[in-house]
Amino acid sequence: MVDEAKTAEELQLVVFSLGREEFAVEVTQVREIMRMEEITRMPKSPPFVEGIINLRGQIIAVVDLAKRLNLEAAEKGAETRIIVVEAEDVKVGMIVDSVSEVLRVSAEEVEASPTLAADMSAAYIQGVVKKDNRLIILLDLTKVLSLDEIARLNL
């Protein structure tokens, strides 16, 4: 019984980088982490949507997360990954510079997000985790991915 309560308060986060910043999403939202592959461009898509990929027969929109968050990403290279996530029954690929770890934190370690500059809306942020002199930004995928815009791609 004690273990169940402890588990309920624990979060597992997939930590990744965009430029010099570290971000995370809950592992329960991650379906797959894959190497960068060729992406088919989609006409008239939002600027942050890179295009689509065929993932084992399923067409998935791919978003450049750095563009979406108005951040400068590193050049795409050997460490670049596509994190396939699912939010509100929509699967989307997110391009990130690298994936570093799965981190276990207690719910108490997630602090409310501070007020941020206009470049990155605080609405995208679920909270901030302080871990070993690092600040890891926990993203709210339903807001970051703009599921309405992605759904309009008619995938």
N, C-alpha and C. Protein backbone atom coordinates (compact mmCIF):
# COMPACT_ATOMS: atom_id res chain seq x y z
N MET A 1 0.83 -1.19 0.00
CA MET A 1 0.00 0.00 0.00
C MET A 1 0.87 1.25 0.00
N VAL A 2 1.93 1.24 0.78
CA VAL A 2 2.84 2.39 0.82
C VAL A 2 3.51 2.57 -0.54
N ASP A 3 3.88 1.46 -1.20
CA ASP A 3 4.51 1.55 -2.51
C ASP A 3 3.59 2.18 -3.54
N GLU A 4 2.28 1.86 -3.49
CA GLU A 4 1.33 2.43 -4.43
C GLU A 4 1.25 3.94 -4.27
N ALA A 5 1.21 4.42 -3.05
CA ALA A 5 1.16 5.87 -2.80
C ALA A 5 2.43 6.54 -3.31
N LYS A 6 3.55 5.88 -3.09
CA LYS A 6 4.83 6.44 -3.54
C LYS A 6 4.87 6.50 -5.06
N THR A 7 4.40 5.46 -5.73
CA THR A 7 4.40 5.42 -7.18
C THR A 7 3.49 6.50 -7.76
N ALA A 8 2.35 6.72 -7.13
CA ALA A 8 1.40 7.72 -7.62
C ALA A 8 2.00 9.12 -7.60
N GLU A 9 2.91 9.37 -6.68
CA GLU A 9 3.53 10.69 -6.56
C GLU A 9 4.78 10.82 -7.41
N GLU A 10 5.21 9.74 -8.04
CA GLU A 10 6.44 9.77 -8.82
C GLU A 10 6.12 9.97 -10.29
N LEU A 11 6.92 10.80 -10.95
CA LEU A 11 6.79 11.01 -12.38
C LEU A 11 8.04 10.48 -13.07
N GLN A 12 7.86 9.90 -14.24
CA GLN A 12 9.00 9.52 -15.06
C GLN A 12 8.99 10.44 -16.27
N LEU A 13 10.11 11.10 -16.48
CA LEU A 13 10.20 12.11 -17.53
C LEU A 13 11.27 11.73 -18.55
N VAL A 14 10.96 11.90 -19.82
CA VAL A 14 11.95 11.76 -20.88
C VAL A 14 12.58 13.15 -21.05
N VAL A 15 13.89 13.22 -20.80
CA VAL A 15 14.61 14.50 -20.84
C VAL A 15 15.33 14.61 -22.18
N PHE A 16 15.19 15.79 -22.81
CA PHE A 16 15.83 16.03 -24.10
C PHE A 16 16.32 17.47 -24.17
N SER A 17 17.17 17.73 -25.15
CA SER A 17 17.70 19.09 -25.26
C SER A 17 17.28 19.74 -26.56
N LEU A 18 17.15 21.05 -26.48
CA LEU A 18 16.95 21.93 -27.63
C LEU A 18 17.92 23.08 -27.41
N GLY A 19 18.93 23.17 -28.26
CA GLY A 19 19.95 24.18 -28.02
C GLY A 19 20.64 23.91 -26.70
N ARG A 20 20.71 24.93 -25.85
CA ARG A 20 21.38 24.77 -24.56
C ARG A 20 20.42 24.46 -23.42
N GLU A 21 19.15 24.33 -23.73
CA GLU A 21 18.13 24.11 -22.69
C GLU A 21 17.72 22.65 -22.62
N GLU A 22 17.29 22.24 -21.42
CA GLU A 22 16.77 20.89 -21.23
C GLU A 22 15.27 20.95 -21.00
N PHE A 23 14.57 20.04 -21.65
CA PHE A 23 13.12 19.95 -21.53
C PHE A 23 12.75 18.51 -21.20
N ALA A 24 11.49 18.31 -20.82
CA ALA A 24 11.03 16.96 -20.52
C ALA A 24 9.54 16.85 -20.84
N VAL A 25 9.14 15.62 -21.14
CA VAL A 25 7.72 15.27 -21.25
C VAL A 25 7.52 14.00 -20.43
N GLU A 26 6.31 13.79 -19.99
CA GLU A 26 6.04 12.59 -19.20
C GLU A 26 6.18 11.35 -20.08
N VAL A 27 6.82 10.32 -19.54
CA VAL A 27 7.09 9.11 -20.29
C VAL A 27 5.79 8.44 -20.76
N THR A 28 4.70 8.66 -20.04
CA THR A 28 3.41 8.07 -20.43
C THR A 28 2.90 8.64 -21.75
N GLN A 29 3.42 9.80 -22.16
CA GLN A 29 3.00 10.41 -23.42
C GLN A 29 3.89 9.99 -24.59
N VAL A 30 5.02 9.38 -24.30
CA VAL A 30 5.98 9.00 -25.33
C VAL A 30 5.66 7.61 -25.86
N ARG A 31 5.54 7.50 -27.18
CA ARG A 31 5.27 6.21 -27.81
C ARG A 31 6.54 5.59 -28.37
N GLU A 32 7.47 6.43 -28.80
CA GLU A 32 8.68 5.92 -29.44
C GLU A 32 9.71 7.04 -29.56
N ILE A 33 10.98 6.66 -29.52
CA ILE A 33 12.07 7.60 -29.79
C ILE A 33 12.86 6.99 -30.95
N MET A 34 12.99 7.77 -32.02
CA MET A 34 13.62 7.23 -33.22
C MET A 34 14.68 8.19 -33.77
N ARG A 35 15.58 7.63 -34.56
CA ARG A 35 16.58 8.46 -35.22
C ARG A 35 15.89 9.33 -36.27
N MET A 36 16.54 10.43 -36.58
CA MET A 36 16.03 11.33 -37.61
C MET A 36 15.94 10.57 -38.93
N GLU A 37 14.86 10.80 -39.66
CA GLU A 37 14.71 10.18 -40.97
C GLU A 37 14.17 11.21 -41.94
N GLU A 38 14.06 10.81 -43.19
CA GLU A 38 13.57 11.74 -44.21
C GLU A 38 12.11 12.11 -43.93
N ILE A 39 11.84 13.39 -44.01
CA ILE A 39 10.50 13.92 -43.73
C ILE A 39 9.93 14.50 -45.01
N THR A 40 8.69 14.13 -45.33
CA THR A 40 8.01 14.65 -46.51
C THR A 40 7.34 15.97 -46.15
N ARG A 41 7.70 17.04 -46.89
CA ARG A 41 7.13 18.36 -46.62
C ARG A 41 5.65 18.39 -46.97
N MET A 42 4.90 19.20 -46.22
CA MET A 42 3.46 19.38 -46.46
C MET A 42 3.21 20.83 -46.86
N PRO A 43 2.55 21.05 -48.01
CA PRO A 43 2.25 22.43 -48.39
C PRO A 43 1.24 23.07 -47.44
N LYS A 44 1.38 24.38 -47.27
CA LYS A 44 0.45 25.18 -46.47
C LYS A 44 0.35 24.74 -45.01
N SER A 45 1.41 24.15 -44.49
CA SER A 45 1.40 23.76 -43.07
C SER A 45 2.00 24.89 -42.24
N PRO A 46 1.70 24.94 -40.95
CA PRO A 46 2.30 25.97 -40.09
C PRO A 46 3.83 25.89 -40.16
N PRO A 47 4.52 27.00 -39.95
CA PRO A 47 5.99 27.03 -40.10
C PRO A 47 6.73 26.03 -39.22
N PHE A 48 6.17 25.68 -38.07
CA PHE A 48 6.86 24.76 -37.17
C PHE A 48 6.63 23.29 -37.53
N VAL A 49 5.74 23.01 -38.49
CA VAL A 49 5.50 21.63 -38.92
C VAL A 49 6.47 21.32 -40.05
N GLU A 50 7.38 20.38 -39.81
CA GLU A 50 8.39 20.02 -40.80
C GLU A 50 7.81 19.18 -41.92
N GLY A 51 6.77 18.40 -41.62
CA GLY A 51 6.17 17.54 -42.63
C GLY A 51 5.60 16.29 -42.00
N ILE A 52 5.66 15.19 -42.75
CA ILE A 52 5.09 13.93 -42.27
C ILE A 52 6.08 12.78 -42.49
N ILE A 53 5.89 11.73 -41.69
CA ILE A 53 6.65 10.49 -41.87
C ILE A 53 5.66 9.33 -41.87
N ASN A 54 6.11 8.21 -42.42
CA ASN A 54 5.34 6.98 -42.40
C ASN A 54 5.95 6.09 -41.33
N LEU A 55 5.24 5.93 -40.23
CA LEU A 55 5.72 5.11 -39.12
C LEU A 55 4.96 3.80 -39.12
N ARG A 56 5.56 2.78 -39.72
CA ARG A 56 4.93 1.46 -39.82
C ARG A 56 3.48 1.54 -40.31
N GLY A 57 3.29 2.29 -41.40
CA GLY A 57 1.97 2.37 -42.02
C GLY A 57 1.09 3.48 -41.49
N GLN A 58 1.51 4.17 -40.45
CA GLN A 58 0.72 5.28 -39.90
C GLN A 58 1.41 6.60 -40.25
N ILE A 59 0.65 7.53 -40.84
CA ILE A 59 1.19 8.83 -41.21
C ILE A 59 1.14 9.74 -39.99
N ILE A 60 2.30 10.33 -39.66
CA ILE A 60 2.42 11.16 -38.46
C ILE A 60 3.04 12.50 -38.83
N ALA A 61 2.44 13.59 -38.35
CA ALA A 61 3.02 14.92 -38.53
C ALA A 61 4.26 15.05 -37.66
N VAL A 62 5.26 15.76 -38.18
CA VAL A 62 6.50 15.97 -37.44
C VAL A 62 6.70 17.48 -37.24
N VAL A 63 6.92 17.85 -35.98
CA VAL A 63 7.05 19.25 -35.58
C VAL A 63 8.50 19.53 -35.19
N ASP A 64 9.05 20.65 -35.64
CA ASP A 64 10.36 21.10 -35.17
C ASP A 64 10.11 21.84 -33.86
N LEU A 65 10.39 21.19 -32.76
CA LEU A 65 10.04 21.73 -31.45
C LEU A 65 10.78 23.03 -31.15
N ALA A 66 12.02 23.15 -31.62
CA ALA A 66 12.77 24.40 -31.40
C ALA A 66 12.07 25.57 -32.08
N LYS A 67 11.61 25.37 -33.31
CA LYS A 67 10.88 26.43 -34.02
C LYS A 67 9.60 26.77 -33.27
N ARG A 68 8.90 25.75 -32.80
CA ARG A 68 7.64 25.98 -32.11
C ARG A 68 7.83 26.81 -30.84
N LEU A 69 8.95 26.60 -30.17
CA LEU A 69 9.22 27.31 -28.91
C LEU A 69 10.08 28.56 -29.11
N ASN A 70 10.32 28.92 -30.38
CA ASN A 70 11.15 30.09 -30.70
C ASN A 70 12.54 29.99 -30.09
N LEU A 71 13.12 28.80 -30.17
CA LEU A 71 14.47 28.57 -29.66
C LEU A 71 15.41 28.27 -30.82
N GLU A 72 16.68 28.46 -30.57
CA GLU A 72 17.67 28.12 -31.58
C GLU A 72 18.12 26.68 -31.34
N ALA A 73 17.91 25.84 -32.32
CA ALA A 73 18.30 24.44 -32.19
C ALA A 73 19.70 24.24 -32.76
N ALA A 74 20.33 23.18 -32.34
CA ALA A 74 21.63 22.82 -32.90
C ALA A 74 21.41 22.27 -34.31
N GLU A 75 22.49 22.19 -35.08
CA GLU A 75 22.39 21.58 -36.40
C GLU A 75 21.96 20.12 -36.23
N LYS A 76 21.14 19.66 -37.16
CA LYS A 76 20.71 18.26 -37.10
C LYS A 76 21.91 17.37 -37.37
N GLY A 77 22.07 16.36 -36.51
CA GLY A 77 23.22 15.49 -36.63
C GLY A 77 22.92 14.09 -36.12
N ALA A 78 23.95 13.39 -35.74
CA ALA A 78 23.82 12.00 -35.31
C ALA A 78 22.97 11.85 -34.05
N GLU A 79 22.95 12.87 -33.19
CA GLU A 79 22.19 12.80 -31.94
C GLU A 79 20.74 13.26 -32.09
N THR A 80 20.39 13.87 -33.22
CA THR A 80 19.03 14.36 -33.43
C THR A 80 18.04 13.20 -33.39
N ARG A 81 16.93 13.41 -32.71
CA ARG A 81 15.92 12.36 -32.57
C ARG A 81 14.53 12.91 -32.87
N ILE A 82 13.64 12.00 -33.21
CA ILE A 82 12.22 12.31 -33.30
C ILE A 82 11.56 11.56 -32.15
N ILE A 83 10.93 12.30 -31.25
CA ILE A 83 10.18 11.69 -30.16
C ILE A 83 8.73 11.64 -30.61
N VAL A 84 8.19 10.43 -30.75
CA VAL A 84 6.78 10.28 -31.13
C VAL A 84 5.98 10.28 -29.84
N VAL A 85 5.10 11.27 -29.73
CA VAL A 85 4.28 11.42 -28.52
C VAL A 85 2.81 11.31 -28.89
N GLU A 86 2.00 11.05 -27.88
CA GLU A 86 0.56 11.00 -28.08
C GLU A 86 -0.10 11.88 -27.03
N ALA A 87 -0.90 12.82 -27.52
CA ALA A 87 -1.65 13.71 -26.63
C ALA A 87 -3.05 13.85 -27.20
N GLU A 88 -4.04 13.63 -26.38
CA GLU A 88 -5.44 13.70 -26.80
C GLU A 88 -5.69 12.84 -28.05
N ASP A 89 -5.17 11.62 -28.04
CA ASP A 89 -5.35 10.63 -29.11
C ASP A 89 -4.75 11.04 -30.45
N VAL A 90 -3.85 12.00 -30.46
CA VAL A 90 -3.15 12.40 -31.68
C VAL A 90 -1.68 12.09 -31.50
N LYS A 91 -1.10 11.34 -32.46
CA LYS A 91 0.34 11.05 -32.43
C LYS A 91 1.06 12.09 -33.27
N VAL A 92 2.15 12.61 -32.72
CA VAL A 92 2.95 13.62 -33.38
C VAL A 92 4.42 13.33 -33.11
N GLY A 93 5.27 13.56 -34.10
CA GLY A 93 6.71 13.46 -33.91
C GLY A 93 7.28 14.82 -33.59
N MET A 94 8.18 14.88 -32.61
CA MET A 94 8.84 16.14 -32.25
C MET A 94 10.33 16.00 -32.51
N ILE A 95 10.90 16.88 -33.32
CA ILE A 95 12.34 16.86 -33.56
C ILE A 95 13.03 17.55 -32.39
N VAL A 96 14.00 16.84 -31.79
CA VAL A 96 14.79 17.40 -30.68
C VAL A 96 16.27 17.19 -30.99
N ASP A 97 17.12 17.99 -30.36
CA ASP A 97 18.56 17.89 -30.62
C ASP A 97 19.14 16.58 -30.12
N SER A 98 18.70 16.14 -28.94
CA SER A 98 19.16 14.86 -28.40
C SER A 98 18.25 14.46 -27.24
N VAL A 99 18.23 13.16 -26.96
CA VAL A 99 17.50 12.64 -25.80
C VAL A 99 18.55 12.13 -24.84
N SER A 100 18.47 12.57 -23.56
CA SER A 100 19.54 12.22 -22.63
C SER A 100 19.20 11.12 -21.65
N GLU A 101 17.96 11.11 -21.13
CA GLU A 101 17.67 10.15 -20.06
C GLU A 101 16.19 10.07 -19.77
N VAL A 102 15.84 9.04 -18.99
CA VAL A 102 14.52 8.98 -18.36
C VAL A 102 14.78 9.26 -16.89
N LEU A 103 14.15 10.31 -16.39
CA LEU A 103 14.40 10.80 -15.04
C LEU A 103 13.18 10.55 -14.17
N ARG A 104 13.41 10.00 -12.99
CA ARG A 104 12.33 9.80 -12.02
C ARG A 104 12.38 10.96 -11.03
N VAL A 105 11.24 11.62 -10.86
CA VAL A 105 11.15 12.71 -9.89
C VAL A 105 9.85 12.57 -9.13
N SER A 106 9.84 13.11 -7.94
CA SER A 106 8.58 13.11 -7.18
C SER A 106 7.76 14.30 -7.66
N ALA A 107 6.46 14.21 -7.53
CA ALA A 107 5.57 15.29 -7.94
C ALA A 107 5.92 16.59 -7.23
N GLU A 108 6.43 16.50 -6.00
CA GLU A 108 6.80 17.70 -5.24
C GLU A 108 7.99 18.43 -5.86
N GLU A 109 8.80 17.71 -6.65
CA GLU A 109 9.97 18.34 -7.27
C GLU A 109 9.60 19.20 -8.48
N VAL A 110 8.37 19.10 -8.95
CA VAL A 110 7.92 19.91 -10.08
C VAL A 110 7.34 21.20 -9.52
N GLU A 111 8.03 22.30 -9.84
CA GLU A 111 7.59 23.61 -9.35
C GLU A 111 6.79 24.32 -10.42
N ALA A 112 5.94 25.24 -9.99
CA ALA A 112 5.16 26.04 -10.94
C ALA A 112 6.12 26.80 -11.84
N SER A 113 5.70 27.02 -13.08
CA SER A 113 6.57 27.71 -14.02
C SER A 113 6.64 29.20 -13.69
N PRO A 114 7.83 29.76 -13.80
CA PRO A 114 7.97 31.20 -13.56
C PRO A 114 7.41 31.98 -14.74
N THR A 115 7.19 33.26 -14.55
CA THR A 115 6.76 34.11 -15.65
C THR A 115 7.93 34.24 -16.61
N LEU A 116 7.64 34.00 -17.89
CA LEU A 116 8.71 34.00 -18.89
C LEU A 116 8.54 35.13 -19.88
N ALA A 117 9.57 35.36 -20.65
CA ALA A 117 9.52 36.36 -21.71
C ALA A 117 8.51 35.93 -22.77
N ALA A 118 8.13 36.86 -23.60
CA ALA A 118 7.10 36.59 -24.62
C ALA A 118 7.54 35.55 -25.63
N ASP A 119 8.86 35.32 -25.77
CA ASP A 119 9.35 34.35 -26.76
C ASP A 119 8.81 32.95 -26.53
N MET A 120 8.68 32.57 -25.29
CA MET A 120 8.18 31.24 -25.00
C MET A 120 7.03 31.37 -24.01
N SER A 121 5.85 31.16 -24.49
CA SER A 121 4.66 31.36 -23.67
C SER A 121 4.67 30.42 -22.47
N ALA A 122 4.37 30.99 -21.31
CA ALA A 122 4.28 30.18 -20.09
C ALA A 122 3.17 29.16 -20.21
N ALA A 123 2.25 29.38 -21.15
CA ALA A 123 1.16 28.43 -21.36
C ALA A 123 1.68 27.07 -21.81
N TYR A 124 2.86 27.02 -22.42
CA TYR A 124 3.44 25.77 -22.91
C TYR A 124 4.05 24.95 -21.78
N ILE A 125 4.23 25.56 -20.63
CA ILE A 125 5.01 24.93 -19.57
C ILE A 125 4.13 24.42 -18.44
N GLN A 126 4.35 23.14 -18.11
CA GLN A 126 3.61 22.51 -17.02
C GLN A 126 4.30 22.76 -15.69
N GLY A 127 5.62 22.92 -15.73
CA GLY A 127 6.38 23.16 -14.51
C GLY A 127 7.87 23.09 -14.79
N VAL A 128 8.65 23.27 -13.74
CA VAL A 128 10.11 23.23 -13.84
C VAL A 128 10.64 22.28 -12.77
N VAL A 129 11.59 21.43 -13.16
CA VAL A 129 12.21 20.49 -12.24
C VAL A 129 13.64 20.95 -11.99
N LYS A 130 14.01 21.09 -10.72
CA LYS A 130 15.39 21.39 -10.34
C LYS A 130 16.03 20.07 -9.95
N LYS A 131 17.09 19.70 -10.67
CA LYS A 131 17.75 18.42 -10.40
C LYS A 131 19.25 18.57 -10.61
N ASP A 132 20.03 18.33 -9.56
CA ASP A 132 21.49 18.37 -9.66
C ASP A 132 22.00 19.61 -10.37
N ASN A 133 21.63 20.78 -9.91
CA ASN A 133 22.04 22.06 -10.50
C ASN A 133 21.56 22.26 -11.94
N ARG A 134 20.53 21.53 -12.33
CA ARG A 134 19.95 21.67 -13.67
C ARG A 134 18.51 22.15 -13.52
N LEU A 135 18.06 22.91 -14.49
CA LEU A 135 16.65 23.28 -14.58
C LEU A 135 16.09 22.60 -15.82
N ILE A 136 15.09 21.78 -15.61
CA ILE A 136 14.47 21.02 -16.70
C ILE A 136 13.03 21.50 -16.83
N ILE A 137 12.68 21.97 -18.02
CA ILE A 137 11.34 22.52 -18.25
C ILE A 137 10.41 21.39 -18.68
N LEU A 138 9.35 21.19 -17.90
CA LEU A 138 8.36 20.16 -18.20
C LEU A 138 7.29 20.78 -19.10
N LEU A 139 7.15 20.24 -20.31
CA LEU A 139 6.24 20.81 -21.30
C LEU A 139 4.83 20.24 -21.18
N ASP A 140 3.85 21.07 -21.48
CA ASP A 140 2.45 20.67 -21.59
C ASP A 140 2.19 20.41 -23.07
N LEU A 141 2.22 19.14 -23.46
CA LEU A 141 2.15 18.79 -24.88
C LEU A 141 0.88 19.25 -25.57
N THR A 142 -0.24 19.24 -24.88
CA THR A 142 -1.49 19.62 -25.54
C THR A 142 -1.45 21.08 -25.99
N LYS A 143 -0.68 21.90 -25.32
CA LYS A 143 -0.56 23.31 -25.70
C LYS A 143 0.59 23.54 -26.67
N VAL A 144 1.70 22.87 -26.45
CA VAL A 144 2.87 23.03 -27.32
C VAL A 144 2.57 22.59 -28.74
N LEU A 145 1.91 21.47 -28.88
CA LEU A 145 1.74 20.88 -30.20
C LEU A 145 0.61 21.48 -31.00
N SER A 146 -0.20 22.33 -30.39
CA SER A 146 -1.31 22.96 -31.09
C SER A 146 -2.06 21.92 -31.92
N LEU A 147 -2.69 21.01 -31.22
CA LEU A 147 -3.32 19.86 -31.86
C LEU A 147 -4.37 20.26 -32.89
N ASP A 148 -5.03 21.39 -32.70
CA ASP A 148 -6.00 21.85 -33.70
C ASP A 148 -5.33 22.10 -35.03
N GLU A 149 -4.16 22.78 -35.00
CA GLU A 149 -3.43 23.06 -36.24
C GLU A 149 -2.97 21.78 -36.91
N ILE A 150 -2.49 20.85 -36.11
CA ILE A 150 -2.00 19.59 -36.67
C ILE A 150 -3.15 18.76 -37.23
N ALA A 151 -4.28 18.76 -36.54
CA ALA A 151 -5.45 18.02 -37.03
C ALA A 151 -5.91 18.56 -38.38
N ARG A 152 -5.71 19.86 -38.62
CA ARG A 152 -6.12 20.46 -39.90
C ARG A 152 -5.27 20.00 -41.07
N LEU A 153 -4.17 19.30 -40.80
CA LEU A 153 -3.35 18.78 -41.89
C LEU A 153 -4.02 17.60 -42.58
N ASN A 154 -5.15 17.14 -42.01
CA ASN A 154 -5.93 16.03 -42.58
C ASN A 154 -5.11 14.76 -42.74
N LEU A 155 -4.42 14.36 -41.70
CA LEU A 155 -3.61 13.14 -41.77
C LEU A 155 -4.46 11.93 -41.51
